[in-house]
């Protein structure tokens, strides 16, 4: 048995504290490139109290929403956030969202490591059957991350999003518990 299900090779998942995380999240949301990778809504600058309230609301939904801070193992820096939102408990299905907020930390494997931890939590602790996500077709870095974590392409909504004078697809991806377990056996054997 592992010592901590919340630790990976590069990062760990921690509680998302509304007081300390809100100013950092506000700065990330003020970065329009981050916002356009993270959310379909038009870019905005939410206030720190509004972000604190949102985090607190998520924490009250503890039977349905599981929010986490992504912190580096080296230096314990807050570099991102992720969450699992149970869509249908009876079907054992959740939707996952993840974002690495600091540009300097993009492309360094932190997101992939965090996703591995989150999937381990989803399938071994919450006993989920399926985890799904969606991603904008222009976010190729995220798509590669999700593929490395074992997600498969399941479909797309063509021309779903208007950004920068163009239409972009919304890509649906998912991973099943059985696929994740097979992937773990392969990783352990290799």
Protein backbone atom coordinates (compact mmCIF):
# COMPACT_ATOMS: atom_id res chain seq x y z
CA UNK A 1 0.00 0.00 0.00
CA UNK A 2 1.29 3.46 -0.87
CA UNK A 3 2.20 5.90 1.87
CA UNK A 4 0.19 8.78 0.39
CA UNK A 5 -2.34 8.60 -2.37
CA UNK A 6 -2.02 12.36 -2.79
CA UNK A 7 1.69 12.39 -3.76
CA UNK A 8 3.20 11.85 -7.17
CA UNK A 9 6.70 12.15 -8.55
CA UNK A 10 6.66 15.95 -8.96
CA UNK A 11 3.58 17.25 -7.16
CA UNK A 12 1.11 16.54 -4.43
CA UNK A 13 -2.58 17.34 -4.10
CA UNK A 14 -3.51 19.40 -1.06
CA UNK A 15 -6.56 21.08 0.38
CA UNK A 16 -7.52 24.24 -1.48
CA UNK A 17 -7.47 26.92 1.23
CA UNK A 18 -9.70 29.82 0.21
CA UNK A 19 -7.69 32.49 2.05
CA UNK A 20 -4.22 31.62 0.75
CA UNK A 21 -5.25 30.32 -2.69
CA UNK A 22 -7.65 33.08 -3.73
CA UNK A 23 -5.02 35.79 -4.42
CA UNK A 24 -2.94 33.32 -6.46
CA UNK A 25 -5.97 32.11 -8.41
CA UNK A 26 -6.99 35.72 -9.07
CA UNK A 27 -3.57 36.40 -10.59
CA UNK A 28 -3.83 33.33 -12.83
CA UNK A 29 -7.34 34.27 -13.94
CA UNK A 30 -6.01 37.71 -14.83
CA UNK A 31 -3.70 36.03 -17.36
CA UNK A 32 -5.92 35.82 -20.44
CA UNK A 33 -3.84 33.03 -22.01
CA UNK A 34 -4.39 30.87 -18.92
CA UNK A 35 -8.08 31.78 -18.85
CA UNK A 36 -8.55 30.86 -22.52
CA UNK A 37 -7.01 27.45 -21.89
CA UNK A 38 -8.98 26.87 -18.70
CA UNK A 39 -12.51 28.17 -19.32
CA UNK A 40 -14.96 28.77 -22.14
CA UNK A 41 -16.38 31.89 -20.52
CA UNK A 42 -15.10 35.27 -21.68
CA UNK A 43 -11.99 36.40 -19.81
CA UNK A 44 -12.73 38.34 -16.65
CA UNK A 45 -10.99 39.51 -13.50
CA UNK A 46 -12.87 37.98 -10.56
CA UNK A 47 -12.35 39.55 -7.17
CA UNK A 48 -10.52 37.73 -4.40
CA UNK A 49 -13.69 37.60 -2.23
CA UNK A 50 -15.61 36.06 -5.14
CA UNK A 51 -12.94 33.39 -5.61
CA UNK A 52 -12.91 32.70 -1.85
CA UNK A 53 -16.68 32.28 -1.93
CA UNK A 54 -16.45 29.90 -4.89
CA UNK A 55 -13.86 27.73 -3.13
CA UNK A 56 -15.97 27.65 0.04
CA UNK A 57 -19.07 26.67 -1.95
CA UNK A 58 -17.15 23.80 -3.55
CA UNK A 59 -15.99 22.60 -0.16
CA UNK A 60 -19.59 22.53 1.08
CA UNK A 61 -20.41 20.22 -1.86
CA UNK A 62 -17.93 17.64 -0.47
CA UNK A 63 -20.15 14.71 -1.38
CA UNK A 64 -20.06 15.77 -5.04
CA UNK A 65 -17.06 18.05 -5.67
CA UNK A 66 -13.48 17.28 -4.67
CA UNK A 67 -11.24 20.35 -5.19
CA UNK A 68 -7.47 20.25 -4.74
CA UNK A 69 -4.49 22.56 -4.88
CA UNK A 70 -1.53 21.29 -6.92
CA UNK A 71 1.70 21.90 -5.00
CA UNK A 72 5.26 21.05 -6.00
CA UNK A 73 7.08 18.47 -3.91
CA UNK A 74 10.21 20.60 -4.19
CA UNK A 75 9.52 23.92 -2.48
CA UNK A 76 5.81 23.29 -1.79
CA UNK A 77 4.74 25.97 -4.31
CA UNK A 78 1.09 26.33 -5.32
CA UNK A 79 1.21 25.91 -9.10
CA UNK A 80 -2.29 24.81 -10.05
CA UNK A 81 -5.64 23.42 -9.11
CA UNK A 82 -7.74 20.45 -10.06
CA UNK A 83 -11.05 18.93 -9.13
CA UNK A 84 -13.28 15.95 -9.58
CA UNK A 85 -16.98 16.65 -9.86
CA UNK A 86 -19.23 13.62 -9.53
CA UNK A 87 -21.76 13.86 -12.34
CA UNK A 88 -23.78 10.75 -11.49
CA UNK A 89 -22.96 8.75 -8.34
CA UNK A 90 -25.17 5.86 -9.47
CA UNK A 91 -23.09 5.55 -12.66
CA UNK A 92 -19.83 6.12 -10.74
CA UNK A 93 -18.85 8.88 -13.15
CA UNK A 94 -16.98 12.14 -12.63
CA UNK A 95 -15.80 15.10 -14.64
CA UNK A 96 -12.25 16.33 -14.10
CA UNK A 97 -10.83 19.82 -14.47
CA UNK A 98 -7.19 20.83 -14.11
CA UNK A 99 -5.05 23.88 -14.67
CA UNK A 100 -1.42 24.81 -14.08
CA UNK A 101 -1.48 28.54 -13.44
CA UNK A 102 2.13 29.63 -13.64
CA UNK A 103 3.39 29.87 -17.23
CA UNK A 104 6.93 29.03 -16.08
CA UNK A 105 5.57 25.66 -14.92
CA UNK A 106 3.82 24.76 -18.19
CA UNK A 107 5.26 21.82 -20.14
CA UNK A 108 7.27 20.43 -17.21
CA UNK A 109 5.13 17.36 -16.47
CA UNK A 110 3.34 18.82 -13.44
CA UNK A 111 -0.10 18.52 -15.04
CA UNK A 112 0.48 14.93 -16.12
CA UNK A 113 1.70 13.99 -12.64
CA UNK A 114 -1.28 15.72 -11.00
CA UNK A 115 -3.66 13.93 -13.37
CA UNK A 116 -2.10 10.56 -12.47
CA UNK A 117 -2.68 11.31 -8.77
CA UNK A 118 -6.24 12.49 -9.39
CA UNK A 119 -7.08 9.36 -11.40
CA UNK A 120 -5.59 7.14 -8.69
CA UNK A 121 -7.82 8.90 -6.18
CA UNK A 122 -10.87 8.63 -8.45
CA UNK A 123 -10.48 4.92 -9.15
CA UNK A 124 -9.05 3.59 -5.87
CA UNK A 125 -10.63 5.84 -3.22
CA UNK A 126 -13.91 6.93 -4.78
CA UNK A 127 -14.39 3.66 -6.69
CA UNK A 128 -15.41 5.50 -9.85
CA UNK A 129 -16.02 3.68 -13.12
CA UNK A 130 -15.35 6.55 -15.53
CA UNK A 131 -13.69 9.97 -15.54
CA UNK A 132 -14.40 12.39 -18.36
CA UNK A 133 -13.22 15.81 -19.45
CA UNK A 134 -13.47 18.24 -22.30
CA UNK A 135 -10.75 20.39 -23.81
CA UNK A 136 -10.58 23.02 -26.54
CA UNK A 137 -9.05 21.70 -29.75
CA UNK A 138 -6.39 24.43 -29.78
CA UNK A 139 -5.02 23.27 -26.40
CA UNK A 140 -2.70 20.66 -27.85
CA UNK A 141 -0.43 20.58 -24.78
CA UNK A 142 -3.39 19.59 -22.58
CA UNK A 143 -4.57 16.97 -25.09
CA UNK A 144 -1.11 15.34 -25.01
CA UNK A 145 -1.17 15.40 -21.20
CA UNK A 146 -4.55 13.68 -21.12
CA UNK A 147 -3.48 11.08 -23.66
CA UNK A 148 -0.37 10.31 -21.57
CA UNK A 149 -2.65 9.83 -18.55
CA UNK A 150 -4.69 7.27 -20.54
CA UNK A 151 -7.68 9.32 -21.70
CA UNK A 152 -9.19 8.33 -25.04
CA UNK A 153 -10.93 10.61 -27.53
CA UNK A 154 -14.66 10.03 -27.36
CA UNK A 155 -16.07 12.75 -29.55
CA UNK A 156 -16.18 16.43 -30.32
CA UNK A 157 -18.57 19.29 -30.78
CA UNK A 158 -17.52 20.97 -33.99
CA UNK A 159 -17.07 24.75 -34.01
CA UNK A 160 -18.32 24.97 -30.42
CA UNK A 161 -16.17 27.87 -29.20
CA UNK A 162 -15.55 31.34 -30.62
CA UNK A 163 -12.04 32.59 -29.80
CA UNK A 164 -9.76 35.10 -31.49
CA UNK A 165 -11.98 35.41 -34.55
CA UNK A 166 -12.15 31.64 -35.15
CA UNK A 167 -14.35 28.71 -34.29
CA UNK A 168 -12.81 25.80 -32.35
CA UNK A 169 -13.99 22.30 -31.50
CA UNK A 170 -14.69 21.05 -27.99
CA UNK A 171 -13.02 17.64 -27.63
CA UNK A 172 -14.48 15.04 -25.26
CA UNK A 173 -12.16 12.51 -23.67
CA UNK A 174 -12.63 9.80 -21.06
CA UNK A 175 -10.93 6.99 -19.20
CA UNK A 176 -12.50 3.88 -17.68
CA UNK A 177 -11.39 2.23 -14.46
CA UNK A 178 -10.45 -0.97 -16.34
CA UNK A 179 -8.29 1.01 -18.78
CA UNK A 180 -6.58 2.81 -15.90
CA UNK A 181 -5.93 -0.46 -14.06
CA UNK A 182 -4.42 -2.03 -17.19
CA UNK A 183 -2.22 1.03 -17.62
CA UNK A 184 -1.02 0.70 -14.00
CA UNK A 185 -0.06 -2.95 -14.55
CA UNK A 186 1.91 -1.97 -17.65
CA UNK A 187 3.69 0.83 -15.76
CA UNK A 188 4.60 -1.50 -12.89
CA UNK A 189 5.85 -4.23 -15.26
CA UNK A 190 7.99 -1.78 -17.27
